[in-house]
Amino acid sequence: MIRHHPADDLLLSLAAGTLSIGATLVVRTHIETCAQCQERLGLFEAVGGVIVEDLPPASLSAQALARTLAAIDQPASVHKTPSSRTFERGERPSLPAGMAWPRALEACTSTPWRFLAPGMRWSRLRLPSHPDAKLFLLRIGSGRSLPFHTHNGTELTQVLHGAFADGREVFGTGDFDAADHSIHHCPTVAPGTDCICFAAVEGKMRFDSPIARAMASLIGM
């Protein structure tokens, strides 16, 4: 059962189209398997549509009208067409049996699992349209812990497989977590199976350990 969900302000921002790309991907990944958040997002989108319908019509400037008419009159060859270029997704990191790749991440390129520390691996995800977004998959073994850290930005996490506890709560498959500078934690994976999470980081994670800080800087965290 999913117990931890994105806050309403995140869902509202998603409905309004103002959420950052990293946050959008994490929230969209959560919504794929959460009927409760699907319903709430639909409600916010419907409310937003009603508000837009009630707004008074905006007047169109003469310059805007002229640009629009000029664009219509251009030869078809001048109009931009969607690029036919396809992006190499790379080798997808292996997933446990029965675990599907999130639909929200289909457009992302990815790397195979890479060694981070004993019992810990990571994969870097990139969205071609937003190459600077810090997107990661983390796979941490049963009973292993991510070193103590806080954040100078935000870290949004969606649990895709397994579970972890960090002293605040227990987060299982399907759960969503948001952490910022006010959170100082040491996520520890529950016994029994690996924990795989999708994370989007804005700013940097601030690890207590100098060794952990060095490793984080190498992978862009």
N, C-alpha and C. Protein backbone atom coordinates (compact mmCIF):
# COMPACT_ATOMS: atom_id res chain seq x y z
N MET A 1 0.84 -1.19 0.00
CA MET A 1 0.00 0.00 0.00
C MET A 1 0.88 1.25 0.00
N ILE A 2 0.54 2.19 -0.86
CA ILE A 2 1.29 3.45 -0.94
C ILE A 2 0.85 4.36 0.21
N ARG A 3 1.83 4.82 1.00
CA ARG A 3 1.51 5.64 2.17
C ARG A 3 2.05 7.06 2.08
N HIS A 4 3.00 7.29 1.21
CA HIS A 4 3.63 8.61 1.12
C HIS A 4 3.46 9.16 -0.29
N HIS A 5 2.90 10.37 -0.36
CA HIS A 5 2.50 10.96 -1.64
C HIS A 5 3.10 12.36 -1.81
N PRO A 6 3.18 12.85 -3.06
CA PRO A 6 3.58 14.25 -3.27
C PRO A 6 2.60 15.19 -2.59
N ALA A 7 3.10 16.29 -2.05
CA ALA A 7 2.23 17.30 -1.45
C ALA A 7 1.37 17.95 -2.52
N ASP A 8 0.26 18.53 -2.08
CA ASP A 8 -0.66 19.15 -3.04
C ASP A 8 -0.01 20.28 -3.83
N ASP A 9 0.96 20.98 -3.22
CA ASP A 9 1.59 22.07 -3.98
C ASP A 9 2.37 21.54 -5.17
N LEU A 10 2.94 20.34 -5.04
CA LEU A 10 3.63 19.73 -6.18
C LEU A 10 2.64 19.32 -7.26
N LEU A 11 1.52 18.74 -6.85
CA LEU A 11 0.50 18.34 -7.83
C LEU A 11 -0.10 19.56 -8.51
N LEU A 12 -0.31 20.63 -7.76
CA LEU A 12 -0.83 21.87 -8.36
C LEU A 12 0.16 22.44 -9.37
N SER A 13 1.44 22.43 -9.02
CA SER A 13 2.45 22.94 -9.94
C SER A 13 2.54 22.07 -11.18
N LEU A 14 2.39 20.76 -11.00
CA LEU A 14 2.39 19.86 -12.16
C LEU A 14 1.21 20.16 -13.06
N ALA A 15 0.03 20.35 -12.47
CA ALA A 15 -1.16 20.66 -13.26
C ALA A 15 -1.00 21.98 -14.00
N ALA A 16 -0.30 22.93 -13.39
CA ALA A 16 -0.12 24.25 -13.99
C ALA A 16 1.04 24.28 -14.98
N GLY A 17 1.83 23.21 -15.02
CA GLY A 17 2.97 23.17 -15.93
C GLY A 17 4.16 23.98 -15.47
N THR A 18 4.25 24.25 -14.16
CA THR A 18 5.33 25.09 -13.65
C THR A 18 6.37 24.31 -12.85
N LEU A 19 6.22 23.00 -12.78
CA LEU A 19 7.15 22.18 -12.01
C LEU A 19 8.44 21.97 -12.81
N SER A 20 9.57 21.93 -12.12
CA SER A 20 10.85 21.68 -12.80
C SER A 20 10.82 20.30 -13.45
N ILE A 21 11.70 20.08 -14.42
CA ILE A 21 11.65 18.82 -15.16
C ILE A 21 11.97 17.62 -14.27
N GLY A 22 12.96 17.78 -13.37
CA GLY A 22 13.28 16.67 -12.48
C GLY A 22 12.11 16.30 -11.58
N ALA A 23 11.52 17.32 -10.96
CA ALA A 23 10.36 17.08 -10.10
C ALA A 23 9.20 16.49 -10.89
N THR A 24 9.01 16.99 -12.11
CA THR A 24 7.93 16.47 -12.95
C THR A 24 8.09 14.98 -13.19
N LEU A 25 9.31 14.54 -13.50
CA LEU A 25 9.53 13.12 -13.78
C LEU A 25 9.31 12.25 -12.55
N VAL A 26 9.75 12.73 -11.38
CA VAL A 26 9.55 11.94 -10.16
C VAL A 26 8.06 11.86 -9.82
N VAL A 27 7.37 12.99 -9.89
CA VAL A 27 5.93 12.99 -9.56
C VAL A 27 5.16 12.17 -10.58
N ARG A 28 5.49 12.29 -11.86
CA ARG A 28 4.82 11.49 -12.89
C ARG A 28 5.05 10.00 -12.67
N THR A 29 6.27 9.64 -12.26
CA THR A 29 6.56 8.24 -11.98
C THR A 29 5.70 7.73 -10.82
N HIS A 30 5.55 8.56 -9.80
CA HIS A 30 4.68 8.18 -8.67
C HIS A 30 3.24 7.99 -9.12
N ILE A 31 2.75 8.92 -9.91
CA ILE A 31 1.35 8.91 -10.32
C ILE A 31 1.00 7.67 -11.13
N GLU A 32 1.97 7.11 -11.84
CA GLU A 32 1.71 5.92 -12.65
C GLU A 32 1.08 4.80 -11.84
N THR A 33 1.47 4.67 -10.58
CA THR A 33 0.99 3.54 -9.77
C THR A 33 0.13 3.99 -8.60
N CYS A 34 -0.25 5.26 -8.56
CA CYS A 34 -1.01 5.78 -7.41
C CYS A 34 -2.35 6.34 -7.87
N ALA A 35 -3.41 5.59 -7.64
CA ALA A 35 -4.74 6.03 -8.05
C ALA A 35 -5.16 7.29 -7.31
N GLN A 36 -4.76 7.42 -6.04
CA GLN A 36 -5.14 8.59 -5.25
C GLN A 36 -4.59 9.86 -5.87
N CYS A 37 -3.32 9.84 -6.26
CA CYS A 37 -2.71 11.05 -6.85
C CYS A 37 -3.19 11.28 -8.28
N GLN A 38 -3.52 10.22 -9.00
CA GLN A 38 -4.12 10.39 -10.32
C GLN A 38 -5.42 11.18 -10.20
N GLU A 39 -6.22 10.82 -9.20
CA GLU A 39 -7.50 11.49 -8.99
C GLU A 39 -7.30 12.95 -8.59
N ARG A 40 -6.36 13.20 -7.68
CA ARG A 40 -6.15 14.57 -7.23
C ARG A 40 -5.58 15.44 -8.35
N LEU A 41 -4.67 14.89 -9.14
CA LEU A 41 -4.13 15.65 -10.26
C LEU A 41 -5.24 15.99 -11.25
N GLY A 42 -6.12 15.03 -11.52
CA GLY A 42 -7.24 15.29 -12.42
C GLY A 42 -8.13 16.41 -11.89
N LEU A 43 -8.33 16.43 -10.58
CA LEU A 43 -9.14 17.48 -9.96
C LEU A 43 -8.48 18.85 -10.14
N PHE A 44 -7.18 18.92 -9.87
CA PHE A 44 -6.47 20.20 -10.02
C PHE A 44 -6.46 20.66 -11.47
N GLU A 45 -6.31 19.74 -12.40
CA GLU A 45 -6.32 20.11 -13.82
C GLU A 45 -7.70 20.62 -14.23
N ALA A 46 -8.75 19.99 -13.69
CA ALA A 46 -10.11 20.43 -14.01
C ALA A 46 -10.37 21.82 -13.44
N VAL A 47 -9.93 22.06 -12.20
CA VAL A 47 -10.10 23.38 -11.59
C VAL A 47 -9.35 24.43 -12.39
N GLY A 48 -8.13 24.11 -12.82
CA GLY A 48 -7.36 25.04 -13.62
C GLY A 48 -8.04 25.37 -14.92
N GLY A 49 -8.68 24.37 -15.54
CA GLY A 49 -9.40 24.61 -16.79
C GLY A 49 -10.58 25.54 -16.60
N VAL A 50 -11.29 25.38 -15.48
CA VAL A 50 -12.43 26.25 -15.20
C VAL A 50 -11.96 27.68 -14.99
N ILE A 51 -10.84 27.85 -14.27
CA ILE A 51 -10.31 29.20 -14.03
C ILE A 51 -9.95 29.88 -15.34
N VAL A 52 -9.30 29.14 -16.24
CA VAL A 52 -8.92 29.71 -17.53
C VAL A 52 -10.15 30.11 -18.33
N GLU A 53 -11.19 29.28 -18.30
CA GLU A 53 -12.41 29.58 -19.04
C GLU A 53 -13.08 30.85 -18.52
N ASP A 54 -12.94 31.12 -17.22
CA ASP A 54 -13.59 32.29 -16.62
C ASP A 54 -12.80 33.58 -16.80
N LEU A 55 -11.57 33.48 -17.29
CA LEU A 55 -10.78 34.70 -17.49
C LEU A 55 -11.34 35.51 -18.65
N PRO A 56 -11.27 36.84 -18.56
CA PRO A 56 -11.74 37.67 -19.68
C PRO A 56 -10.84 37.47 -20.89
N PRO A 57 -11.39 37.57 -22.11
CA PRO A 57 -10.57 37.41 -23.31
C PRO A 57 -9.45 38.44 -23.34
N ALA A 58 -8.28 38.01 -23.74
CA ALA A 58 -7.13 38.92 -23.84
C ALA A 58 -7.09 39.52 -25.24
N SER A 59 -6.79 40.80 -25.30
CA SER A 59 -6.70 41.46 -26.60
C SER A 59 -5.38 41.10 -27.27
N LEU A 60 -5.40 40.98 -28.58
CA LEU A 60 -4.23 40.62 -29.36
C LEU A 60 -3.62 41.88 -29.96
N SER A 61 -2.35 42.11 -29.70
CA SER A 61 -1.70 43.31 -30.23
C SER A 61 -1.57 43.21 -31.74
N ALA A 62 -1.44 44.38 -32.37
CA ALA A 62 -1.28 44.40 -33.83
C ALA A 62 -0.02 43.66 -34.25
N GLN A 63 1.06 43.80 -33.46
CA GLN A 63 2.31 43.14 -33.80
C GLN A 63 2.17 41.62 -33.74
N ALA A 64 1.49 41.14 -32.69
CA ALA A 64 1.30 39.70 -32.56
C ALA A 64 0.47 39.16 -33.71
N LEU A 65 -0.58 39.88 -34.08
CA LEU A 65 -1.41 39.45 -35.19
C LEU A 65 -0.61 39.42 -36.48
N ALA A 66 0.23 40.44 -36.70
CA ALA A 66 1.04 40.49 -37.92
C ALA A 66 2.02 39.32 -37.98
N ARG A 67 2.64 38.99 -36.84
CA ARG A 67 3.58 37.86 -36.82
C ARG A 67 2.87 36.55 -37.11
N THR A 68 1.68 36.40 -36.56
CA THR A 68 0.92 35.18 -36.80
C THR A 68 0.55 35.03 -38.26
N LEU A 69 0.06 36.11 -38.88
CA LEU A 69 -0.32 36.06 -40.29
C LEU A 69 0.90 35.81 -41.18
N ALA A 70 2.03 36.40 -40.81
CA ALA A 70 3.25 36.19 -41.60
C ALA A 70 3.70 34.74 -41.54
N ALA A 71 3.57 34.14 -40.36
CA ALA A 71 3.95 32.74 -40.22
C ALA A 71 3.06 31.84 -41.06
N ILE A 72 1.76 32.16 -41.10
CA ILE A 72 0.83 31.37 -41.90
C ILE A 72 1.17 31.45 -43.37
N ASP A 73 1.62 32.64 -43.82
CA ASP A 73 1.91 32.87 -45.24
C ASP A 73 3.24 32.28 -45.68
N GLN A 74 4.09 31.83 -44.74
CA GLN A 74 5.39 31.30 -45.12
C GLN A 74 5.22 29.99 -45.89
N PRO A 75 6.14 29.71 -46.84
CA PRO A 75 6.10 28.43 -47.53
C PRO A 75 6.25 27.28 -46.54
N ALA A 76 5.69 26.15 -46.91
CA ALA A 76 5.71 25.00 -46.00
C ALA A 76 7.12 24.59 -45.64
N SER A 77 8.07 24.78 -46.57
CA SER A 77 9.45 24.35 -46.32
C SER A 77 10.11 25.13 -45.21
N VAL A 78 9.57 26.32 -44.91
CA VAL A 78 10.19 27.16 -43.88
C VAL A 78 9.75 26.75 -42.49
N HIS A 79 8.56 26.16 -42.38
CA HIS A 79 8.04 25.77 -41.07
C HIS A 79 8.93 24.71 -40.45
N LYS A 80 9.11 24.81 -39.15
CA LYS A 80 9.89 23.81 -38.44
C LYS A 80 9.10 22.53 -38.33
N THR A 81 9.77 21.43 -38.53
CA THR A 81 9.13 20.13 -38.37
C THR A 81 9.83 19.40 -37.25
N PRO A 82 9.13 18.50 -36.58
CA PRO A 82 9.78 17.76 -35.50
C PRO A 82 11.01 17.03 -36.01
N SER A 83 12.05 17.02 -35.21
CA SER A 83 13.28 16.35 -35.61
C SER A 83 13.06 14.86 -35.73
N SER A 84 13.65 14.28 -36.75
CA SER A 84 13.55 12.83 -36.92
C SER A 84 14.65 12.11 -36.16
N ARG A 85 15.52 12.88 -35.51
CA ARG A 85 16.63 12.28 -34.78
C ARG A 85 16.11 11.44 -33.63
N THR A 86 16.65 10.27 -33.47
CA THR A 86 16.30 9.43 -32.33
C THR A 86 17.49 9.39 -31.38
N PHE A 87 17.21 9.45 -30.09
CA PHE A 87 18.27 9.46 -29.11
C PHE A 87 18.55 8.04 -28.64
N GLU A 88 19.83 7.72 -28.54
CA GLU A 88 20.21 6.41 -28.04
C GLU A 88 19.90 6.34 -26.55
N ARG A 89 19.11 5.38 -26.16
CA ARG A 89 18.77 5.26 -24.75
C ARG A 89 19.90 4.64 -23.95
N GLY A 90 20.83 3.99 -24.62
CA GLY A 90 21.88 3.32 -23.90
C GLY A 90 21.37 1.99 -23.36
N GLU A 91 22.24 1.32 -22.65
CA GLU A 91 21.87 0.03 -22.08
C GLU A 91 21.13 0.27 -20.77
N ARG A 92 19.87 -0.13 -20.73
CA ARG A 92 19.08 0.07 -19.51
C ARG A 92 19.68 -0.74 -18.37
N PRO A 93 19.70 -0.18 -17.18
CA PRO A 93 20.16 -0.97 -16.03
C PRO A 93 19.21 -2.13 -15.79
N SER A 94 19.76 -3.27 -15.43
CA SER A 94 18.94 -4.45 -15.20
C SER A 94 18.02 -4.23 -14.00
N LEU A 95 16.81 -4.75 -14.09
CA LEU A 95 15.81 -4.59 -13.04
C LEU A 95 15.37 -5.96 -12.53
N PRO A 96 14.90 -6.04 -11.29
CA PRO A 96 14.41 -7.32 -10.77
C PRO A 96 13.25 -7.85 -11.59
N ALA A 97 13.07 -9.15 -11.58
CA ALA A 97 11.98 -9.78 -12.31
C ALA A 97 10.64 -9.19 -11.89
N GLY A 98 9.83 -8.85 -12.87
CA GLY A 98 8.50 -8.30 -12.59
C GLY A 98 8.47 -6.79 -12.44
N MET A 99 9.63 -6.15 -12.41
CA MET A 99 9.66 -4.69 -12.28
C MET A 99 9.76 -4.06 -13.65
N ALA A 100 8.82 -3.17 -13.97
CA ALA A 100 8.78 -2.53 -15.29
C ALA A 100 9.49 -1.18 -15.25
N TRP A 101 10.05 -0.80 -16.38
CA TRP A 101 10.65 0.53 -16.51
C TRP A 101 9.53 1.57 -16.49
N PRO A 102 9.61 2.61 -15.66
CA PRO A 102 8.52 3.60 -15.58
C PRO A 102 8.26 4.28 -16.93
N ARG A 103 7.00 4.42 -17.27
CA ARG A 103 6.64 5.07 -18.54
C ARG A 103 7.11 6.53 -18.56
N ALA A 104 7.11 7.18 -17.40
CA ALA A 104 7.52 8.59 -17.34
C ALA A 104 8.97 8.78 -17.73
N LEU A 105 9.76 7.70 -17.70
CA LEU A 105 11.19 7.80 -17.99
C LEU A 105 11.56 7.26 -19.36
N GLU A 106 10.56 6.99 -20.19
CA GLU A 106 10.83 6.40 -21.51
C GLU A 106 11.73 7.27 -22.37
N ALA A 107 11.62 8.59 -22.23
CA ALA A 107 12.41 9.49 -23.08
C ALA A 107 13.83 9.69 -22.56
N CYS A 108 14.14 9.13 -21.40
CA CYS A 108 15.46 9.32 -20.80
C CYS A 108 16.47 8.32 -21.35
N THR A 109 17.68 8.79 -21.54
CA THR A 109 18.79 7.88 -21.77
C THR A 109 19.27 7.39 -20.42
N SER A 110 20.01 6.30 -20.41
CA SER A 110 20.45 5.74 -19.13
C SER A 110 21.76 5.00 -19.31
N THR A 111 22.44 4.79 -18.22
CA THR A 111 23.68 4.01 -18.22
C THR A 111 23.41 2.69 -17.51
N PRO A 112 24.24 1.68 -17.75
CA PRO A 112 24.14 0.47 -16.93
C PRO A 112 24.47 0.81 -15.48
N TRP A 113 24.22 -0.14 -14.59
CA TRP A 113 24.58 0.08 -13.20
C TRP A 113 26.09 0.30 -13.08
N ARG A 114 26.46 1.28 -12.26
CA ARG A 114 27.86 1.58 -12.01
C ARG A 114 28.15 1.45 -10.52
N PHE A 115 29.35 1.01 -10.20
CA PHE A 115 29.74 0.84 -8.80
C PHE A 115 29.83 2.19 -8.10
N LEU A 116 29.25 2.27 -6.92
CA LEU A 116 29.34 3.48 -6.09
C LEU A 116 30.10 3.19 -4.81
N ALA A 117 29.73 2.09 -4.15
CA ALA A 117 30.37 1.61 -2.93
C ALA A 117 29.93 0.16 -2.78
N PRO A 118 30.55 -0.60 -1.89
CA PRO A 118 30.10 -1.98 -1.71
C PRO A 118 28.60 -2.06 -1.44
N GLY A 119 27.89 -2.82 -2.26
CA GLY A 119 26.45 -2.97 -2.10
C GLY A 119 25.64 -1.82 -2.64
N MET A 120 26.29 -0.87 -3.33
CA MET A 120 25.57 0.29 -3.86
C MET A 120 25.96 0.52 -5.32
N ARG A 121 24.94 0.70 -6.15
CA ARG A 121 25.18 1.00 -7.56
C ARG A 121 24.28 2.16 -7.99
N TRP A 122 24.66 2.79 -9.08
CA TRP A 122 23.88 3.93 -9.56
C TRP A 122 23.85 3.93 -11.08
N SER A 123 22.84 4.56 -11.62
CA SER A 123 22.70 4.76 -13.06
C SER A 123 22.33 6.22 -13.29
N ARG A 124 23.01 6.86 -14.22
CA ARG A 124 22.69 8.26 -14.54
C ARG A 124 21.66 8.28 -15.66
N LEU A 125 20.60 9.03 -15.46
CA LEU A 125 19.57 9.23 -16.47
C LEU A 125 19.70 10.64 -17.02
N ARG A 126 19.47 10.77 -18.31
CA ARG A 126 19.50 12.10 -18.94
C ARG A 126 18.30 12.24 -19.85
N LEU A 127 17.72 13.42 -19.81
CA LEU A 127 16.64 13.76 -20.72
C LEU A 127 17.24 14.67 -21.78
N PRO A 128 17.25 14.24 -23.06
CA PRO A 128 17.92 15.03 -24.10
C PRO A 128 17.50 16.49 -24.13
N SER A 129 16.24 16.78 -23.83
CA SER A 129 15.77 18.16 -23.88
C SER A 129 16.19 18.97 -22.65
N HIS A 130 16.64 18.28 -21.59
CA HIS A 130 17.08 18.96 -20.36
C HIS A 130 18.35 18.26 -19.86
N PRO A 131 19.45 18.41 -20.57
CA PRO A 131 20.66 17.64 -20.25
C PRO A 131 21.26 17.96 -18.89
N ASP A 132 20.93 19.09 -18.30
CA ASP A 132 21.52 19.46 -17.01
C ASP A 132 20.74 18.94 -15.81
N ALA A 133 19.60 18.33 -16.04
CA ALA A 133 18.81 17.80 -14.92
C ALA A 133 19.57 16.67 -14.24
N LYS A 134 19.58 16.68 -12.91
CA LYS A 134 20.28 15.65 -12.14
C LYS A 134 19.31 14.53 -11.81
N LEU A 135 19.37 13.47 -12.61
CA LEU A 135 18.43 12.36 -12.50
C LEU A 135 19.22 11.08 -12.28
N PHE A 136 18.83 10.29 -11.28
CA PHE A 136 19.59 9.10 -10.93
C PHE A 136 18.67 7.94 -10.58
N LEU A 137 19.15 6.73 -10.85
CA LEU A 137 18.62 5.54 -10.23
C LEU A 137 19.66 5.07 -9.22
N LEU A 138 19.23 4.73 -8.03
CA LEU A 138 20.10 4.18 -7.00
C LEU A 138 19.63 2.79 -6.65
N ARG A 139 20.57 1.86 -6.58
CA ARG A 139 20.25 0.49 -6.17
C ARG A 139 21.15 0.13 -4.99
N ILE A 140 20.52 -0.03 -3.85
CA ILE A 140 21.26 -0.25 -2.61
C ILE A 140 20.85 -1.59 -2.03
N GLY A 141 21.83 -2.37 -1.62
CA GLY A 141 21.58 -3.73 -1.17
C GLY A 141 20.88 -3.80 0.18
N SER A 142 20.30 -4.96 0.43
CA SER A 142 19.58 -5.22 1.67
C SER A 142 20.46 -4.92 2.88
N GLY A 143 19.92 -4.11 3.81
CA GLY A 143 20.63 -3.76 5.03
C GLY A 143 21.68 -2.69 4.89
N ARG A 144 21.95 -2.24 3.67
CA ARG A 144 22.96 -1.20 3.45
C ARG A 144 22.37 0.19 3.70
N SER A 145 23.25 1.14 3.97
CA SER A 145 22.81 2.51 4.26
C SER A 145 23.51 3.50 3.36
N LEU A 146 22.77 4.49 2.91
CA LEU A 146 23.37 5.65 2.27
C LEU A 146 23.92 6.53 3.39
N PRO A 147 25.15 7.02 3.30
CA PRO A 147 25.73 7.78 4.41
C PRO A 147 24.88 9.00 4.81
N PHE A 148 25.03 9.40 6.07
CA PHE A 148 24.30 10.57 6.57
C PHE A 148 24.54 11.77 5.67
N HIS A 149 23.46 12.48 5.39
CA HIS A 149 23.57 13.67 4.54
C HIS A 149 22.36 14.57 4.73
N THR A 150 22.51 15.80 4.30
CA THR A 150 21.40 16.73 4.18
C THR A 150 21.48 17.31 2.77
N HIS A 151 20.82 18.44 2.52
CA HIS A 151 20.72 18.95 1.15
C HIS A 151 20.79 20.47 1.15
N ASN A 152 21.41 21.04 0.12
CA ASN A 152 21.33 22.49 -0.03
C ASN A 152 20.35 22.86 -1.13
N GLY A 153 19.54 21.91 -1.50
CA GLY A 153 18.44 22.10 -2.45
C GLY A 153 17.35 21.11 -2.09
N THR A 154 16.78 20.48 -3.09
CA THR A 154 15.75 19.48 -2.84
C THR A 154 16.14 18.15 -3.47
N GLU A 155 15.69 17.09 -2.85
CA GLU A 155 15.86 15.74 -3.38
C GLU A 155 14.49 15.08 -3.36
N LEU A 156 13.98 14.75 -4.53
CA LEU A 156 12.70 14.05 -4.63
C LEU A 156 12.99 12.61 -5.02
N THR A 157 12.37 11.68 -4.30
CA THR A 157 12.67 10.26 -4.49
C THR A 157 11.39 9.46 -4.64
N GLN A 158 11.39 8.55 -5.59
CA GLN A 158 10.30 7.60 -5.76
C GLN A 158 10.86 6.20 -5.60
N VAL A 159 10.28 5.43 -4.69
CA VAL A 159 10.73 4.05 -4.47
C VAL A 159 10.11 3.16 -5.54
N LEU A 160 10.97 2.52 -6.32
CA LEU A 160 10.50 1.66 -7.40
C LEU A 160 10.47 0.19 -6.99
N HIS A 161 11.31 -0.17 -6.01
CA HIS A 161 11.40 -1.58 -5.59
C HIS A 161 12.01 -1.61 -4.20
N GLY A 162 11.50 -2.50 -3.35
CA GLY A 162 12.06 -2.62 -2.01
C GLY A 162 11.58 -1.53 -1.08
N ALA A 163 12.35 -1.30 -0.02
CA ALA A 163 11.95 -0.31 0.99
C ALA A 163 13.17 0.18 1.75
N PHE A 164 13.03 1.38 2.33
CA PHE A 164 14.08 1.91 3.20
C PHE A 164 13.45 2.70 4.33
N ALA A 165 14.21 2.87 5.40
CA ALA A 165 13.80 3.72 6.52
C ALA A 165 14.92 4.71 6.78
N ASP A 166 14.54 5.92 7.21
CA ASP A 166 15.58 6.94 7.43
C ASP A 166 15.46 7.64 8.78
N GLY A 167 14.75 7.01 9.72
CA GLY A 167 14.57 7.62 11.03
C GLY A 167 13.33 8.46 11.14
N ARG A 168 12.78 8.88 10.01
CA ARG A 168 11.52 9.63 10.02
C ARG A 168 10.35 8.70 9.73
N GLU A 169 10.50 7.95 8.63
CA GLU A 169 9.43 7.10 8.14
C GLU A 169 10.04 5.87 7.47
N VAL A 170 9.16 4.93 7.14
CA VAL A 170 9.53 3.80 6.29
C VAL A 170 8.89 4.03 4.93
N PHE A 171 9.69 3.92 3.89
CA PHE A 171 9.23 4.17 2.53
C PHE A 171 9.31 2.87 1.74
N GLY A 172 8.16 2.40 1.25
CA GLY A 172 8.11 1.16 0.49
C GLY A 172 7.85 1.41 -0.98
N THR A 173 7.73 0.32 -1.72
CA THR A 173 7.51 0.42 -3.16
C THR A 173 6.29 1.29 -3.46
N GLY A 174 6.47 2.27 -4.33
CA GLY A 174 5.39 3.19 -4.68
C GLY A 174 5.38 4.48 -3.89
N ASP A 175 6.15 4.52 -2.79
CA ASP A 175 6.15 5.72 -1.94
C ASP A 175 7.02 6.83 -2.53
N PHE A 176 6.66 8.05 -2.16
CA PHE A 176 7.33 9.27 -2.62
C PHE A 176 7.93 9.97 -1.40
N ASP A 177 9.11 10.55 -1.58
CA ASP A 177 9.72 11.30 -0.48
C ASP A 177 10.31 12.60 -1.01
N ALA A 178 10.18 13.65 -0.22
CA ALA A 178 10.78 14.95 -0.53
C ALA A 178 11.66 15.36 0.64
N ALA A 179 12.92 15.70 0.35
CA ALA A 179 13.85 16.11 1.40
C ALA A 179 14.53 17.41 1.00
N ASP A 180 14.82 18.24 2.01
CA ASP A 180 15.51 19.51 1.76
C ASP A 180 16.52 19.75 2.88
N HIS A 181 16.93 21.02 3.06
CA HIS A 181 17.96 21.34 4.04
C HIS A 181 17.54 21.02 5.47
N SER A 182 16.25 20.88 5.71
CA SER A 182 15.78 20.61 7.07
C SER A 182 15.88 19.13 7.44
N ILE A 183 16.19 18.29 6.48
CA ILE A 183 16.25 16.84 6.70
C ILE A 183 17.70 16.39 6.74
N HIS A 184 18.07 15.73 7.83
CA HIS A 184 19.39 15.12 7.97
C HIS A 184 19.15 13.64 8.23
N HIS A 185 19.49 12.79 7.27
CA HIS A 185 19.09 11.39 7.41
C HIS A 185 20.12 10.43 6.84
N CYS A 186 19.87 9.15 7.15
CA CYS A 186 20.73 8.05 6.71
C CYS A 186 19.82 6.93 6.23
N PRO A 187 19.34 6.99 4.99
CA PRO A 187 18.42 5.97 4.50
C PRO A 187 19.05 4.57 4.56
N THR A 188 18.33 3.65 5.20
CA THR A 188 18.81 2.28 5.38
C THR A 188 17.81 1.31 4.76
N VAL A 189 18.30 0.44 3.90
CA VAL A 189 17.43 -0.48 3.17
C VAL A 189 16.93 -1.59 4.08
N ALA A 190 15.67 -1.91 3.94
CA ALA A 190 15.06 -2.98 4.73
C ALA A 190 15.65 -4.33 4.32
N PRO A 191 15.67 -5.29 5.25
CA PRO A 191 16.21 -6.62 4.92
C PRO A 191 15.35 -7.31 3.86
N GLY A 192 15.98 -8.19 3.11
CA GLY A 192 15.23 -9.06 2.21
C GLY A 192 15.49 -8.85 0.74
N THR A 193 15.64 -7.61 0.31
CA THR A 193 15.84 -7.34 -1.12
C THR A 193 16.49 -5.98 -1.32
N ASP A 194 17.05 -5.79 -2.50
CA ASP A 194 17.61 -4.48 -2.83
C ASP A 194 16.51 -3.43 -2.86
N CYS A 195 16.90 -2.19 -2.68
CA CYS A 195 15.97 -1.06 -2.85
C CYS A 195 16.43 -0.25 -4.06
N ILE A 196 15.50 -0.03 -4.99
CA ILE A 196 15.79 0.77 -6.18
C ILE A 196 14.93 2.02 -6.14
N CYS A 197 15.56 3.17 -6.25
CA CYS A 197 14.85 4.44 -6.20
C CYS A 197 15.23 5.30 -7.40
N PHE A 198 14.27 6.09 -7.85
CA PHE A 198 14.53 7.13 -8.84
C PHE A 198 14.57 8.46 -8.10
N ALA A 199 15.62 9.23 -8.30
CA ALA A 199 15.78 10.49 -7.57
C ALA A 199 16.13 11.62 -8.52
N ALA A 200 15.57 12.78 -8.23
CA ALA A 200 15.92 14.02 -8.92
C ALA A 200 16.47 14.98 -7.87
N VAL A 201 17.66 15.50 -8.12
CA VAL A 201 18.34 16.36 -7.15
C VAL A 201 18.47 17.76 -7.74
N GLU A 202 18.05 18.74 -6.98
CA GLU A 202 18.27 20.14 -7.34
C GLU A 202 19.16 20.75 -6.26
N GLY A 203 20.28 21.31 -6.65
CA GLY A 203 21.28 21.69 -5.68
C GLY A 203 22.23 20.52 -5.47
N LYS A 204 22.72 20.35 -4.26
CA LYS A 204 23.64 19.25 -3.98
C LYS A 204 23.27 18.57 -2.67
N MET A 205 23.60 17.27 -2.61
CA MET A 205 23.49 16.53 -1.37
C MET A 205 24.76 16.79 -0.56
N ARG A 206 24.61 17.07 0.71
CA ARG A 206 25.74 17.43 1.58
C ARG A 206 25.99 16.28 2.55
N PHE A 207 26.97 15.45 2.23
CA PHE A 207 27.28 14.29 3.05
C PHE A 207 28.19 14.68 4.21
N ASP A 208 28.00 14.02 5.34
CA ASP A 208 28.83 14.28 6.51
C ASP A 208 30.27 13.80 6.28
N SER A 209 30.40 12.63 5.68
CA SER A 209 31.71 12.01 5.50
C SER A 209 32.46 12.61 4.32
N PRO A 210 33.74 12.95 4.51
CA PRO A 210 34.54 13.46 3.38
C PRO A 210 34.62 12.47 2.22
N ILE A 211 34.71 11.17 2.54
CA ILE A 211 34.77 10.16 1.48
C ILE A 211 33.46 10.14 0.70
N ALA A 212 32.33 10.20 1.41
CA ALA A 212 31.03 10.22 0.74
C ALA A 212 30.88 11.48 -0.10
N ARG A 213 31.38 12.60 0.40
CA ARG A 213 31.31 13.85 -0.37
C ARG A 213 32.10 13.73 -1.67
N ALA A 214 33.26 13.09 -1.59
CA ALA A 214 34.08 12.91 -2.79
C ALA A 214 33.38 12.03 -3.81
N MET A 215 32.76 10.93 -3.34
CA MET A 215 32.04 10.04 -4.26
C MET A 215 30.86 10.76 -4.89
N ALA A 216 30.14 11.55 -4.09
CA ALA A 216 28.98 12.27 -4.60
C ALA A 216 29.38 13.27 -5.67
N SER A 217 30.51 13.94 -5.47
CA SER A 217 30.95 14.93 -6.46
C SER A 217 31.33 14.26 -7.77
N LEU A 218 31.83 13.03 -7.70
CA LEU A 218 32.23 12.32 -8.92
C LEU A 218 31.03 11.97 -9.79
N ILE A 219 29.89 11.71 -9.17
CA ILE A 219 28.72 11.32 -9.97
C ILE A 219 27.73 12.48 -10.15
N GLY A 220 28.07 13.65 -9.63
CA GLY A 220 27.23 14.82 -9.87
C GLY A 220 26.12 15.02 -8.88
N MET A 221 26.21 14.41 -7.70
CA MET A 221 25.19 14.57 -6.68
C MET A 221 25.52 15.73 -5.75
